Amino acid sequence: MAKKKQILFPVIFMLVLTMVYTFVLAFINESTAERINELEALEIKRSVLFVLDVPVDEDVSSTYDRAVEEAVIDDTSYYIYSDQGEVSGYVFPFTGTGLWGSISGYISFTPDFTKILGIDFVAHSETPGLGGRIDEEWFKDQFRGLEIKPEDTVIFKPAEGGNIDGITGATLTSDSVRKIVNAFIADILSFAKEANL
């Protein structure tokens, strides 16, 4: 009988402890869900303004609300940036396959879809210090003002017609970014033509 008590007490104790911690975690999750959603929405606004190269004052939301409109056509959501009532750019979310997982972000175009205004990578699982350097300003800044060509827009140097420096030691991630962006540009040009943007 004493042996059953020795076995039963730790099992019951662990069950009670597990239920208490599960309740605490569920409560914390529920009580912070709204704040987490607000912060995620703020990050999207910040990223959209970044790719448009819009200077942001202290209040990201007011700058965004003043100039950016969200739109959806045929299940494709995008953002329209207007400056003094005139369309100055379009922003589209993108996702593609990187070396270790998906890479997603935002890319913006001039109203006539002849140039890239900017690009931002918001989520990826590339190797920190190597492929993860796609987050760095110097890499993203190379895409600003990049002319869109009928063939591949993004070509890594030193190839003929190269216009972007790849990341040393992260050739496969760089190549993935090139493929994602070039394929996405082709899709967006087709979408823009069909939607009369």
Protein backbone atom coordinates (compact mmCIF):
# COMPACT_ATOMS: atom_id res chain seq x y z
CA MET A 1 0.00 0.00 0.00
CA ALA A 2 2.85 2.42 0.85
CA LYS A 3 4.44 1.67 -2.51
CA LYS A 4 1.21 2.74 -4.35
CA LYS A 5 1.21 6.06 -2.46
CA GLN A 6 4.85 6.65 -3.44
CA ILE A 7 3.95 6.20 -7.12
CA LEU A 8 0.57 7.93 -7.05
CA PHE A 9 1.65 11.17 -5.31
CA PRO A 10 4.22 12.28 -7.96
CA VAL A 11 1.79 11.47 -10.79
CA ILE A 12 -1.04 13.51 -9.22
CA PHE A 13 1.36 16.32 -8.33
CA MET A 14 2.62 16.52 -11.94
CA LEU A 15 -0.93 16.49 -13.33
CA VAL A 16 -1.99 19.35 -11.04
CA LEU A 17 1.19 21.31 -11.80
CA THR A 18 0.70 20.80 -15.55
CA MET A 19 -2.91 22.00 -15.37
CA VAL A 20 -1.93 25.10 -13.38
CA TYR A 21 0.83 26.07 -15.83
CA THR A 22 -1.40 25.34 -18.83
CA PHE A 23 -4.07 27.65 -17.37
CA VAL A 24 -1.48 30.39 -16.70
CA LEU A 25 -0.07 30.16 -20.24
CA ALA A 26 -3.56 30.16 -21.78
CA PHE A 27 -4.47 33.24 -19.72
CA ILE A 28 -1.31 35.10 -20.76
CA ASN A 29 -1.87 34.16 -24.40
CA GLU A 30 -5.47 35.36 -24.34
CA SER A 31 -4.70 38.58 -22.50
CA THR A 32 -1.89 39.57 -24.89
CA ALA A 33 -3.49 38.45 -28.20
CA GLU A 34 -4.89 41.90 -29.01
CA ARG A 35 -1.56 43.63 -28.33
CA ILE A 36 0.30 41.07 -30.46
CA ASN A 37 -2.11 41.69 -33.36
CA GLU A 38 -1.61 45.46 -33.02
CA LEU A 39 2.18 45.06 -33.12
CA GLU A 40 1.99 42.76 -36.16
CA ALA A 41 -0.20 45.31 -37.98
CA LEU A 42 2.27 48.07 -37.08
CA GLU A 43 5.16 46.01 -38.53
CA ILE A 44 3.25 45.60 -41.79
CA LYS A 45 2.66 49.35 -41.95
CA ARG A 46 6.32 50.04 -41.20
CA SER A 47 7.43 47.61 -43.93
CA VAL A 48 5.03 49.07 -46.51
CA LEU A 49 6.32 52.59 -45.81
CA PHE A 50 9.94 51.34 -45.94
CA VAL A 51 9.57 49.83 -49.41
CA LEU A 52 7.93 53.03 -50.62
CA ASP A 53 10.86 55.02 -49.17
CA VAL A 54 8.42 57.25 -47.29
CA PRO A 55 10.03 59.09 -44.40
CA VAL A 56 8.28 58.10 -41.20
CA ASP A 57 7.81 60.48 -38.32
CA GLU A 58 7.23 59.21 -34.79
CA ASP A 59 3.72 57.96 -35.57
CA VAL A 60 3.91 55.20 -38.20
CA SER A 61 0.15 54.62 -38.17
CA SER A 62 -0.80 58.22 -38.96
CA THR A 63 1.74 58.44 -41.81
CA TYR A 64 0.44 55.14 -43.20
CA ASP A 65 -3.25 56.04 -42.80
CA ARG A 66 -2.72 59.39 -44.48
CA ALA A 67 -1.11 58.03 -47.67
CA VAL A 68 -1.70 54.28 -48.07
CA GLU A 69 -4.87 52.51 -49.12
CA GLU A 70 -5.36 48.74 -49.06
CA ALA A 71 -6.99 47.08 -52.07
CA VAL A 72 -7.97 43.59 -53.23
CA ILE A 73 -8.60 42.38 -56.78
CA ASP A 74 -9.25 38.71 -57.52
CA ASP A 75 -7.81 37.51 -54.19
CA THR A 76 -4.66 39.59 -54.72
CA SER A 77 -4.20 42.12 -51.96
CA TYR A 78 -1.94 45.11 -52.44
CA TYR A 79 -1.38 48.66 -51.23
CA ILE A 80 -1.73 51.92 -53.13
CA TYR A 81 0.43 54.86 -52.11
CA SER A 82 -0.92 58.29 -53.03
CA ASP A 83 0.98 61.54 -52.67
CA GLN A 84 -1.22 64.64 -52.89
CA GLY A 85 -4.05 62.68 -54.51
CA GLU A 86 -1.88 61.08 -57.20
CA VAL A 87 -0.84 57.40 -57.17
CA SER A 88 2.90 57.26 -56.50
CA GLY A 89 3.43 53.53 -56.05
CA TYR A 90 2.05 50.07 -55.51
CA VAL A 91 3.15 47.58 -52.85
CA PHE A 92 2.64 43.83 -53.07
CA PRO A 93 3.36 41.10 -50.53
CA PHE A 94 5.40 38.18 -51.87
CA THR A 95 6.44 34.72 -50.72
CA GLY A 96 8.87 32.27 -52.26
CA THR A 97 11.15 29.38 -51.43
CA GLY A 98 14.55 30.16 -49.96
CA LEU A 99 17.37 27.80 -49.05
CA TRP A 100 15.95 26.64 -45.69
CA GLY A 101 12.31 27.65 -45.95
CA SER A 102 10.07 30.37 -47.28
CA ILE A 103 11.08 34.00 -47.71
CA SER A 104 8.33 36.58 -47.56
CA GLY A 105 8.23 40.33 -47.72
CA TYR A 106 6.98 43.37 -49.60
CA ILE A 107 8.06 44.93 -52.88
CA SER A 108 6.94 48.27 -54.32
CA PHE A 109 6.75 49.55 -57.87
CA THR A 110 6.39 52.90 -59.59
CA PRO A 111 2.85 53.58 -60.90
CA ASP A 112 3.92 52.68 -64.46
CA PHE A 113 5.66 49.47 -63.27
CA THR A 114 8.99 50.44 -64.84
CA LYS A 115 11.04 50.52 -61.62
CA ILE A 116 11.24 48.91 -58.21
CA LEU A 117 10.86 51.47 -55.43
CA GLY A 118 12.04 49.14 -52.67
CA ILE A 119 11.99 45.68 -51.14
CA ASP A 120 11.79 44.37 -47.58
CA PHE A 121 12.14 40.82 -46.30
CA VAL A 122 9.90 40.35 -43.28
CA ALA A 123 10.16 36.62 -42.60
CA HIS A 124 12.69 33.97 -43.52
CA SER A 125 14.64 31.10 -42.03
CA GLU A 126 17.96 31.71 -43.74
CA THR A 127 21.23 31.13 -41.88
CA PRO A 128 22.05 34.04 -39.52
CA GLY A 129 25.23 35.82 -40.59
CA LEU A 130 25.06 34.35 -44.10
CA GLY A 131 21.74 34.18 -45.97
CA GLY A 132 20.12 36.07 -43.09
CA ARG A 133 21.98 39.14 -44.33
CA ILE A 134 19.15 39.75 -46.81
CA ASP A 135 17.69 41.79 -43.92
CA GLU A 136 20.58 44.26 -44.02
CA GLU A 137 20.04 47.76 -45.40
CA TRP A 138 22.93 47.60 -47.91
CA PHE A 139 21.37 44.56 -49.58
CA LYS A 140 17.82 45.93 -49.71
CA ASP A 141 18.97 49.38 -50.87
CA GLN A 142 20.39 47.88 -54.07
CA PHE A 143 16.83 47.25 -55.27
CA ARG A 144 15.75 50.90 -54.97
CA GLY A 145 15.24 52.42 -58.42
CA LEU A 146 16.06 49.14 -60.20
CA GLU A 147 14.70 49.22 -63.75
CA ILE A 148 12.27 46.45 -64.60
CA LYS A 149 13.33 44.59 -67.74
CA PRO A 150 11.30 42.25 -69.96
CA GLU A 151 13.78 39.49 -69.17
CA ASP A 152 15.29 38.96 -65.70
CA THR A 153 15.30 42.21 -63.73
CA VAL A 154 17.62 41.01 -60.96
CA ILE A 155 21.01 39.79 -62.17
CA PHE A 156 23.87 39.29 -59.76
CA LYS A 157 27.29 40.75 -60.50
CA PRO A 158 29.75 39.94 -62.09
CA ALA A 159 27.43 38.34 -64.69
CA GLU A 160 26.83 40.37 -67.83
CA GLY A 161 24.21 43.01 -67.08
CA GLY A 162 24.62 42.43 -63.35
CA ASN A 163 22.92 45.04 -61.19
CA ILE A 164 22.90 43.54 -57.67
CA ASP A 165 25.73 42.33 -55.43
CA GLY A 166 25.09 38.88 -54.00
CA ILE A 167 25.89 37.94 -50.42
CA THR A 168 29.31 36.36 -50.04
CA GLY A 169 29.00 32.87 -48.58
CA ALA A 170 25.26 32.76 -49.24
CA THR A 171 25.12 32.00 -52.95
CA LEU A 172 22.06 29.75 -52.68
CA THR A 173 20.07 32.32 -50.68
CA SER A 174 21.08 35.08 -53.12
CA ASP A 175 20.01 32.88 -56.02
CA SER A 176 16.71 32.12 -54.28
CA VAL A 177 16.05 35.86 -53.84
CA ARG A 178 16.85 36.44 -57.51
CA LYS A 179 14.43 33.71 -58.61
CA ILE A 180 11.68 34.87 -56.24
CA VAL A 181 11.90 38.52 -57.30
CA ASN A 182 12.16 37.83 -61.04
CA ALA A 183 9.22 35.39 -60.98
CA PHE A 184 7.16 37.75 -58.83
CA ILE A 185 7.82 40.71 -61.12
CA ALA A 186 6.56 38.69 -64.10
CA ASP A 187 3.40 37.77 -62.16
CA ILE A 188 2.80 41.36 -61.04
CA LEU A 189 3.29 42.80 -64.53
CA SER A 190 0.69 40.35 -65.80
CA PHE A 191 -1.65 41.19 -62.90
CA ALA A 192 -1.21 44.96 -63.42
CA LYS A 193 -2.06 44.63 -67.10
CA GLU A 194 -5.21 42.59 -66.39
CA ALA A 195 -6.29 44.90 -63.54
CA ASN A 196 -5.55 48.08 -65.56
CA LEU A 197 -3.29 49.51 -62.84
